[in-house]
Amino acid sequence: MCAGGEATVLIDSPATLRSSALSVPAAQAALDLLPALAVVAADGTILDVNAAWTAFINDNGGTEAACGRGVNYLQVCDAASGPASDEAAPVAAGLRAVLAGERADYTLTYPCHTPVRQRWYRVHVRPFAAQGERLALVMHEDVTALKLSEIRASDVEAEITQGVRRKTAALRQENRELDAFIGGVSHDLRTPLRHLRGFLEVLRRQAAPRLTESDVRLLEVLDGAAERLGRMVDELLGLARASQTALQVRDVHLAQVVMRAWFHLAPETQGREIDWVAGDLPVVRGDPELLTLAFENLLSNAVKYTAGRARARIEVGARDEEEAWVVFVQDDGVGFDPRYKDRLFGAFQRLHHEREFQGIGLGLANVRRVMIRHGAEVWGESHPGDGATFYVRFPKTPSIP
């Protein structure tokens, strides 16, 4: 119904106050510059109003006799009725609490629409003292422009949110279709790749007596290309597997996961001297097969980038944080430039030339996909020549779909 803002009114005595709280022309002129404002006595009587108050009452179908000087504003609020009276009761309660000293101030924003226009007002009630008597300023501020701006901003935000959701859903569908395509194509490539390798071996055996040195080199190039294609197919299948396989979630002992991953890497470590170090590893919630795939990739990465060392060291350990387990895989290999660490987990991203280290840049992308599906966070730290450490933070109370 009404509102108030802070102000200081100079009044000689309560008697003068009740006859005209704003008898000084300068004070009245100053108050007329403010939004709709009334001075209310402790019993709720309106002692004085400014010009904006009178205009506010008239605009809303009232009269000075109904809500002007000398009228008890609390009684007006208590008796209010009709569709625009919902805010009257809380305003009266707020005003009473301020006049009684039970609260420092009171504010309420409320609608005050007309048949042709939407409007909102904000009522402020602020107390002040004059000659020992506790009074209140009640002010109605037109906040229509602010409210409409908030509504427009909310509508824009809702539209943007809806658009983002649509695009996100579309991207997820596209990703699912792409993953299915990658998985299908990779699987289909295995048969012709097997034929290629088999026929190359047959050709080598049958034509061995007639092969020149140049022919042998060409066959070696073809063998190398077939082997590289095989690795690419395996990594592509791993990428599809990390994305599409339905999670079989249960308690997983990471020590067992790491042991299986090490065992699967035996062909890559033949002829290498590697010190494997494993600390105490936690039990986490997850899919054991996908977690094994992820740690195979992390450990394979460590094996690959320590190839230049006569004796390499690869360590897997964990530390206990308050709400998570942080598991790390550390090696003493060539490391990587930290300036490019944001590229580590992107598909087909490589920080070393293929002439130095083979691969197509999908191993860490597989790790990231598996960990995202487990509600885990993965990152890497390194400096060139100092080895690399990859971390996985498993929340102790994961949210796994």
Protein backbone atom coordinates (compact mmCIF):
# COMPACT_ATOMS: atom_id res chain seq x y z
CA MET A 1 0.00 0.00 0.00
CA CYS A 2 2.73 2.53 0.94
CA ALA A 3 6.47 2.85 1.64
CA GLY A 4 9.09 5.07 3.22
CA GLY A 5 12.66 6.34 2.93
CA GLU A 6 15.06 7.84 5.43
CA ALA A 7 14.75 11.61 6.03
CA THR A 8 15.19 14.22 8.76
CA VAL A 9 12.29 16.56 9.52
CA LEU A 10 12.77 19.53 11.86
CA ILE A 11 9.67 20.10 14.01
CA ASP A 12 9.35 22.45 17.01
CA SER A 13 6.99 20.39 19.17
CA PRO A 14 4.55 17.47 19.02
CA ALA A 15 1.68 19.95 18.98
CA THR A 16 3.16 21.75 15.99
CA LEU A 17 3.88 18.36 14.48
CA ARG A 18 0.24 17.25 14.68
CA SER A 19 -1.06 20.48 13.23
CA SER A 20 1.36 20.40 10.32
CA ALA A 21 4.44 18.20 10.31
CA LEU A 22 5.74 19.95 7.21
CA SER A 23 4.75 23.57 7.89
CA VAL A 24 8.09 25.00 6.80
CA PRO A 25 7.78 25.84 3.07
CA ALA A 26 11.39 24.85 2.35
CA ALA A 27 10.92 21.46 4.00
CA GLN A 28 7.69 20.91 2.07
CA ALA A 29 9.38 21.84 -1.21
CA ALA A 30 12.20 19.40 -0.46
CA LEU A 31 9.78 16.56 0.30
CA ASP A 32 7.84 17.29 -2.87
CA LEU A 33 10.94 16.25 -4.81
CA LEU A 34 10.72 12.73 -3.36
CA PRO A 35 8.48 9.83 -4.43
CA ALA A 36 5.06 9.47 -2.76
CA LEU A 37 5.77 10.14 0.93
CA ALA A 38 3.72 10.39 4.13
CA VAL A 39 4.67 11.12 7.73
CA VAL A 40 2.82 8.74 10.05
CA ALA A 41 2.39 9.13 13.82
CA ALA A 42 2.79 6.36 16.37
CA ASP A 43 -0.95 5.61 16.30
CA GLY A 44 -0.98 5.40 12.49
CA THR A 45 -2.37 8.88 11.75
CA ILE A 46 -1.06 10.52 8.59
CA LEU A 47 0.43 13.84 9.77
CA ASP A 48 1.48 15.16 6.39
CA VAL A 49 2.12 14.11 2.80
CA ASN A 50 3.99 15.45 -0.20
CA ALA A 51 2.60 16.24 -3.65
CA ALA A 52 3.64 12.86 -5.06
CA TRP A 53 1.60 11.09 -2.36
CA THR A 54 -1.53 12.96 -3.39
CA ALA A 55 -0.89 12.16 -7.05
CA PHE A 56 -0.26 8.50 -6.17
CA ILE A 57 -3.58 8.27 -4.30
CA ASN A 58 -5.49 9.96 -7.14
CA ASP A 59 -3.85 7.73 -9.78
CA ASN A 60 -5.05 4.67 -7.89
CA GLY A 61 -8.66 5.79 -7.63
CA GLY A 62 -8.46 7.20 -4.10
CA THR A 63 -9.01 10.61 -2.58
CA GLU A 64 -7.27 12.78 -0.01
CA ALA A 65 -10.22 12.24 2.28
CA ALA A 66 -9.65 8.48 2.10
CA CYS A 67 -5.86 8.46 2.51
CA GLY A 68 -4.65 12.01 3.13
CA ARG A 69 -3.76 14.15 6.15
CA GLY A 70 -5.55 13.20 9.35
CA VAL A 71 -6.54 9.72 8.13
CA ASN A 72 -5.32 6.69 10.10
CA TYR A 73 -3.17 4.81 7.62
CA LEU A 74 -3.18 1.60 9.65
CA GLN A 75 -6.97 1.55 9.58
CA VAL A 76 -6.95 2.17 5.82
CA CYS A 77 -4.67 -0.84 5.35
CA ASP A 78 -6.73 -3.02 7.71
CA ALA A 79 -9.94 -2.17 5.85
CA ALA A 80 -8.53 -2.55 2.33
CA SER A 81 -10.41 -4.87 0.00
CA GLY A 82 -10.48 -5.78 -3.67
CA PRO A 83 -7.96 -7.33 -6.06
CA ALA A 84 -5.20 -4.80 -5.31
CA SER A 85 -5.36 -5.17 -1.52
CA ASP A 86 -3.17 -8.23 -1.02
CA GLU A 87 -0.20 -6.15 0.15
CA ALA A 88 -2.26 -4.10 2.66
CA ALA A 89 -2.06 -6.57 5.57
CA PRO A 90 1.73 -7.13 5.38
CA VAL A 91 2.31 -3.36 5.01
CA ALA A 92 0.20 -2.66 8.10
CA ALA A 93 2.06 -5.34 10.04
CA GLY A 94 5.42 -3.95 8.92
CA LEU A 95 4.45 -0.38 9.81
CA ARG A 96 3.22 -1.41 13.26
CA ALA A 97 6.48 -3.28 13.91
CA VAL A 98 8.56 -0.26 12.89
CA LEU A 99 6.49 2.18 15.00
CA ALA A 100 6.73 -0.19 17.97
CA GLY A 101 10.51 -0.41 17.62
CA GLU A 102 10.34 -4.15 16.87
CA ARG A 103 12.19 -3.80 13.58
CA ALA A 104 14.53 -1.20 12.10
CA ASP A 105 12.67 -0.79 8.80
CA TYR A 106 10.35 -2.52 6.37
CA THR A 107 10.33 -2.93 2.57
CA LEU A 108 7.93 -4.67 0.20
CA THR A 109 7.65 -4.72 -3.59
CA TYR A 110 4.12 -5.22 -4.91
CA PRO A 111 2.18 -5.04 -8.19
CA CYS A 112 -0.23 -2.17 -8.80
CA HIS A 113 -1.52 -2.84 -12.31
CA THR A 114 -4.23 -0.97 -14.19
CA PRO A 115 -6.35 -2.32 -17.05
CA VAL A 116 -3.99 -0.66 -19.54
CA ARG A 117 -0.62 -0.74 -17.80
CA GLN A 118 1.57 -2.97 -15.68
CA ARG A 119 3.07 -1.20 -12.65
CA TRP A 120 5.08 -2.17 -9.58
CA TYR A 121 5.79 -0.14 -6.45
CA ARG A 122 8.17 -0.62 -3.57
CA VAL A 123 7.02 0.49 -0.14
CA HIS A 124 9.66 1.61 2.38
CA VAL A 125 8.97 2.30 6.05
CA ARG A 126 11.68 4.10 8.03
CA PRO A 127 11.39 5.39 11.60
CA PHE A 128 12.57 8.76 12.94
CA ALA A 129 12.11 10.73 16.13
CA ALA A 130 10.75 14.24 16.60
CA GLN A 131 10.62 15.86 20.06
CA GLY A 132 10.70 12.43 21.71
CA GLU A 133 7.89 10.96 19.61
CA ARG A 134 8.56 7.96 17.33
CA LEU A 135 7.24 8.57 13.83
CA ALA A 136 7.63 6.84 10.49
CA LEU A 137 8.16 7.88 6.91
CA VAL A 138 6.14 5.77 4.49
CA MET A 139 7.18 6.04 0.86
CA HIS A 140 5.88 4.45 -2.34
CA GLU A 141 8.55 4.25 -5.05
CA ASP A 142 7.61 3.41 -8.63
CA VAL A 143 9.92 0.55 -9.62
CA THR A 144 8.09 -0.44 -12.80
CA ALA A 145 11.09 0.21 -15.05
CA LEU A 146 13.36 -1.85 -12.80
CA LYS A 147 10.83 -4.69 -12.56
CA LEU A 148 10.25 -4.78 -16.31
CA SER A 149 14.01 -4.83 -16.82
CA GLU A 150 14.29 -7.78 -14.42
CA ILE A 151 11.48 -9.59 -16.23
CA ARG A 152 13.12 -8.98 -19.60
CA ALA A 153 16.46 -10.16 -18.23
CA SER A 154 14.76 -13.24 -16.78
CA ASP A 155 13.05 -13.95 -20.09
CA VAL A 156 16.32 -13.55 -21.96
CA GLU A 157 18.08 -15.81 -19.47
CA ALA A 158 15.31 -18.41 -19.76
CA GLU A 159 15.51 -18.21 -23.56
CA ILE A 160 19.28 -18.58 -23.47
CA THR A 161 19.04 -21.47 -21.00
CA GLN A 162 16.46 -23.20 -23.17
CA GLY A 163 18.61 -22.63 -26.24
CA VAL A 164 21.68 -24.01 -24.47
CA ARG A 165 19.69 -27.05 -23.37
CA ARG A 166 18.50 -27.67 -26.90
CA LYS A 167 22.00 -27.28 -28.30
CA THR A 168 23.46 -29.45 -25.51
CA ALA A 169 20.91 -32.18 -26.22
CA ALA A 170 21.65 -31.95 -29.93
CA LEU A 171 25.40 -32.11 -29.31
CA ARG A 172 25.00 -35.10 -27.03
CA GLN A 173 22.97 -36.87 -29.68
CA GLU A 174 25.58 -36.00 -32.29
CA ASN A 175 28.33 -37.26 -29.97
CA ARG A 176 26.44 -40.52 -29.42
CA GLU A 177 26.01 -40.95 -33.15
CA LEU A 178 29.68 -40.08 -33.75
CA ASP A 179 30.82 -42.54 -31.07
CA ALA A 180 28.62 -45.24 -32.59
CA PHE A 181 30.05 -44.45 -36.03
CA ILE A 182 33.62 -44.56 -34.72
CA GLY A 183 32.96 -47.86 -32.98
CA GLY A 184 31.32 -49.37 -36.04
CA VAL A 185 33.96 -48.22 -38.47
CA SER A 186 36.81 -49.29 -36.18
CA HIS A 187 35.30 -52.73 -35.75
CA ASP A 188 34.75 -53.09 -39.50
CA LEU A 189 38.36 -52.07 -40.20
CA ARG A 190 39.74 -54.97 -38.22
CA THR A 191 38.85 -57.61 -40.83
CA PRO A 192 40.52 -55.95 -43.85
CA LEU A 193 43.47 -55.03 -41.61
CA ARG A 194 43.89 -58.69 -40.67
CA HIS A 195 43.78 -59.60 -44.36
CA LEU A 196 46.39 -56.95 -45.15
CA ARG A 197 48.79 -58.24 -42.51
CA GLY A 198 48.20 -61.85 -43.49
CA PHE A 199 48.76 -61.29 -47.22
CA LEU A 200 51.89 -59.24 -46.52
CA GLU A 201 53.31 -62.18 -44.59
CA VAL A 202 52.34 -64.60 -47.38
CA LEU A 203 53.93 -62.31 -49.96
CA ARG A 204 57.12 -62.08 -47.92
CA ARG A 205 57.42 -65.85 -47.63
CA GLN A 206 56.56 -66.67 -51.24
CA ALA A 207 58.65 -63.96 -52.81
CA ALA A 208 61.60 -64.15 -50.40
CA PRO A 209 64.07 -65.66 -52.92
CA ARG A 210 63.34 -62.93 -55.47
CA LEU A 211 63.17 -59.90 -53.15
CA THR A 212 65.77 -57.20 -53.59
CA GLU A 213 66.98 -55.01 -50.76
CA SER A 214 64.64 -52.28 -51.99
CA ASP A 215 61.71 -54.72 -51.99
CA VAL A 216 62.45 -55.70 -48.40
CA ARG A 217 62.46 -52.04 -47.32
CA LEU A 218 59.10 -51.48 -49.03
CA LEU A 219 57.58 -54.48 -47.23
CA GLU A 220 58.93 -53.15 -43.94
CA VAL A 221 57.26 -49.80 -44.64
CA LEU A 222 53.98 -51.62 -45.37
CA ASP A 223 54.33 -53.66 -42.18
CA GLY A 224 54.92 -50.48 -40.18
CA ALA A 225 51.91 -48.79 -41.74
CA ALA A 226 49.71 -51.82 -41.01
CA GLU A 227 50.93 -51.92 -37.42
CA ARG A 228 50.23 -48.21 -36.96
CA LEU A 229 46.77 -48.63 -38.47
CA GLY A 230 46.15 -51.47 -36.03
CA ARG A 231 47.04 -49.24 -33.09
CA MET A 232 44.75 -46.51 -34.45
CA VAL A 233 41.87 -48.96 -34.72
CA ASP A 234 42.49 -50.18 -31.16
CA GLU A 235 42.51 -46.62 -29.82
CA LEU A 236 39.36 -45.69 -31.74
CA LEU A 237 37.61 -48.75 -30.33
CA GLY A 238 38.79 -47.73 -26.88
CA LEU A 239 37.33 -44.25 -27.41
CA ALA A 240 33.95 -45.68 -28.41
CA ARG A 241 34.09 -48.14 -25.51
CA ALA A 242 34.83 -45.37 -23.01
CA SER A 243 31.84 -43.40 -24.26
CA GLN A 244 29.21 -46.02 -25.02
CA THR A 245 29.66 -48.90 -22.59
CA ALA A 246 26.93 -48.98 -19.94
CA LEU A 247 28.45 -48.48 -16.49
CA GLN A 248 28.47 -51.48 -14.16
CA VAL A 249 29.04 -49.59 -10.93
CA ARG A 250 30.31 -51.28 -7.78
CA ASP A 251 33.12 -50.97 -5.23
CA VAL A 252 36.42 -51.22 -7.10
CA HIS A 253 39.82 -51.93 -5.52
CA LEU A 254 42.15 -49.70 -7.53
CA ALA A 255 45.12 -51.88 -6.54
CA GLN A 256 43.55 -54.74 -8.50
CA VAL A 257 42.77 -52.41 -11.41
CA VAL A 258 46.40 -51.29 -11.60
CA MET A 259 47.66 -54.88 -11.40
CA ARG A 260 45.44 -55.89 -14.33
CA ALA A 261 46.54 -52.83 -16.30
CA TRP A 262 50.24 -53.67 -15.72
CA PHE A 263 49.61 -57.27 -16.82
CA HIS A 264 47.93 -56.10 -20.05
CA LEU A 265 50.94 -53.91 -20.82
CA ALA A 266 53.41 -56.82 -20.77
CA PRO A 267 53.95 -56.77 -24.58
CA GLU A 268 54.89 -53.07 -24.41
CA THR A 269 57.41 -53.57 -21.61
CA GLN A 270 59.29 -56.58 -22.99
CA GLY A 271 63.03 -55.89 -22.99
CA ARG A 272 62.57 -52.78 -20.79
CA GLU A 273 63.95 -52.25 -17.29
CA ILE A 274 61.15 -50.54 -15.35
CA ASP A 275 60.83 -50.14 -11.60
CA TRP A 276 57.11 -50.42 -10.84
CA VAL A 277 56.17 -48.77 -7.54
CA ALA A 278 52.65 -49.00 -6.10
CA GLY A 279 51.49 -47.38 -2.88
CA ASP A 280 48.29 -48.02 -0.97
CA LEU A 281 45.36 -47.42 -3.28
CA PRO A 282 41.76 -46.79 -2.22
CA VAL A 283 38.47 -48.49 -2.98
CA VAL A 284 36.25 -46.30 -5.19
CA ARG A 285 32.82 -46.59 -6.78
CA GLY A 286 32.96 -47.27 -10.49
CA ASP A 287 33.05 -49.65 -13.41
CA PRO A 288 36.10 -51.94 -13.06
CA GLU A 289 36.46 -52.59 -16.80
CA LEU A 290 36.40 -48.93 -17.80
CA LEU A 291 38.69 -47.96 -14.92
CA THR A 292 41.11 -50.67 -16.08
CA LEU A 293 40.99 -49.17 -19.58
CA ALA A 294 41.76 -45.72 -18.16
CA PHE A 295 44.73 -46.90 -16.08
CA GLU A 296 46.02 -48.95 -19.00
CA ASN A 297 46.17 -45.72 -20.99
CA LEU A 298 47.83 -43.79 -18.16
CA LEU A 299 50.43 -46.49 -17.59
CA SER A 300 50.96 -47.02 -21.32
CA ASN A 301 51.58 -43.29 -21.59
CA ALA A 302 54.21 -43.54 -18.86
CA VAL A 303 55.85 -46.55 -20.53
CA LYS A 304 55.97 -44.76 -23.88
CA TYR A 305 57.51 -41.52 -22.63
CA THR A 306 60.18 -43.22 -20.50
CA ALA A 307 61.46 -45.22 -23.48
CA GLY A 308 64.66 -43.16 -23.63
CA ARG A 309 65.76 -44.22 -20.14
CA ALA A 310 67.94 -47.26 -19.57
CA ARG A 311 66.03 -47.89 -16.34
CA ALA A 312 62.66 -46.16 -15.89
CA ARG A 313 60.58 -45.62 -12.78
CA ILE A 314 56.76 -45.54 -12.79
CA GLU A 315 54.85 -45.01 -9.57
CA VAL A 316 51.17 -45.22 -8.75
CA GLY A 317 49.98 -43.82 -5.42
CA ALA A 318 47.19 -41.95 -3.69
CA ARG A 319 46.55 -39.32 -1.06
CA ASP A 320 43.49 -38.90 1.10
CA GLU A 321 41.71 -35.57 0.90
CA GLU A 322 38.69 -34.63 2.99
CA GLU A 323 36.08 -35.36 0.33
CA ALA A 324 38.08 -37.20 -2.33
CA TRP A 325 40.87 -39.64 -3.13
CA VAL A 326 43.57 -38.27 -5.41
CA VAL A 327 45.34 -41.07 -7.31
CA PHE A 328 48.50 -40.29 -9.30
CA VAL A 329 50.60 -41.98 -11.98
CA GLN A 330 54.12 -40.58 -12.04
CA ASP A 331 57.02 -41.29 -14.40
CA ASP A 332 60.54 -39.99 -14.93
CA GLY A 333 60.29 -39.66 -18.72
CA VAL A 334 60.56 -36.72 -21.08
CA GLY A 335 57.56 -34.82 -19.63
CA PHE A 336 55.72 -32.12 -21.52
CA ASP A 337 55.58 -28.34 -21.79
CA PRO A 338 53.05 -27.10 -19.17
CA ARG A 339 51.99 -24.31 -21.52
CA TYR A 340 50.13 -26.92 -23.55
CA LYS A 341 48.59 -28.97 -20.72
CA ASP A 342 45.08 -27.91 -21.78
CA ARG A 343 45.60 -29.91 -24.97
CA LEU A 344 46.57 -33.11 -23.17
CA PHE A 345 43.13 -34.69 -23.03
CA GLY A 346 41.81 -33.61 -26.42
CA ALA A 347 41.22 -36.26 -29.07
CA PHE A 348 44.05 -36.53 -31.62
CA GLN A 349 46.16 -34.00 -29.68
CA ARG A 350 49.89 -34.72 -29.52
CA LEU A 351 52.60 -32.76 -27.70
CA HIS A 352 55.46 -34.78 -29.23
CA HIS A 353 56.24 -35.57 -32.84
CA GLU A 354 55.26 -39.03 -34.05
CA ARG A 355 58.84 -39.68 -35.14
CA GLU A 356 59.76 -39.59 -31.46
CA PHE A 357 56.76 -41.35 -29.94
CA GLN A 358 54.12 -43.30 -31.81
CA GLY A 359 50.41 -42.87 -31.25
CA ILE A 360 47.44 -40.90 -32.55
CA GLY A 361 46.58 -38.93 -29.42
CA LEU A 362 43.53 -40.81 -28.14
CA GLY A 363 44.87 -42.47 -24.99
CA LEU A 364 44.40 -39.52 -22.65
CA ALA A 365 41.13 -38.61 -24.37
CA ASN A 366 39.90 -42.09 -23.38
CA VAL A 367 41.05 -41.47 -19.81
CA ARG A 368 39.17 -38.19 -19.64
CA ARG A 369 35.94 -39.71 -20.98
CA VAL A 370 36.06 -42.57 -18.48
CA MET A 371 36.73 -40.22 -15.57
CA ILE A 372 33.99 -37.78 -16.54
CA ARG A 373 31.53 -40.66 -16.52
CA HIS A 374 32.73 -41.52 -13.01
CA GLY A 375 32.30 -37.96 -11.74
CA ALA A 376 36.10 -37.73 -11.39
CA GLU A 377 38.54 -34.99 -12.38
CA VAL A 378 41.80 -35.66 -14.26
CA TRP A 379 44.76 -33.38 -14.96
CA GLY A 380 48.49 -33.53 -15.62
CA GLU A 381 51.58 -31.67 -14.44
CA SER A 382 55.09 -31.67 -15.86
CA HIS A 383 58.12 -29.79 -17.09
CA PRO A 384 60.13 -30.93 -20.12
CA GLY A 385 62.75 -33.48 -19.07
CA ASP A 386 61.38 -33.85 -15.51
CA GLY A 387 58.82 -36.57 -16.16
CA ALA A 388 55.07 -36.24 -15.85
CA THR A 389 52.44 -36.85 -13.20
CA PHE A 390 48.78 -37.45 -13.97
CA TYR A 391 46.21 -37.06 -11.23
CA VAL A 392 42.68 -38.39 -10.87
CA ARG A 393 40.44 -37.03 -8.13
CA PHE A 394 37.71 -39.51 -7.19
CA PRO A 395 34.98 -37.96 -5.01
CA LYS A 396 34.22 -40.14 -1.98
CA THR A 397 30.51 -39.68 -2.64
CA PRO A 398 30.41 -39.74 -6.45
CA SER A 399 27.41 -38.83 -8.56
CA ILE A 400 27.47 -41.48 -11.28
CA PRO A 401 24.56 -41.70 -13.75
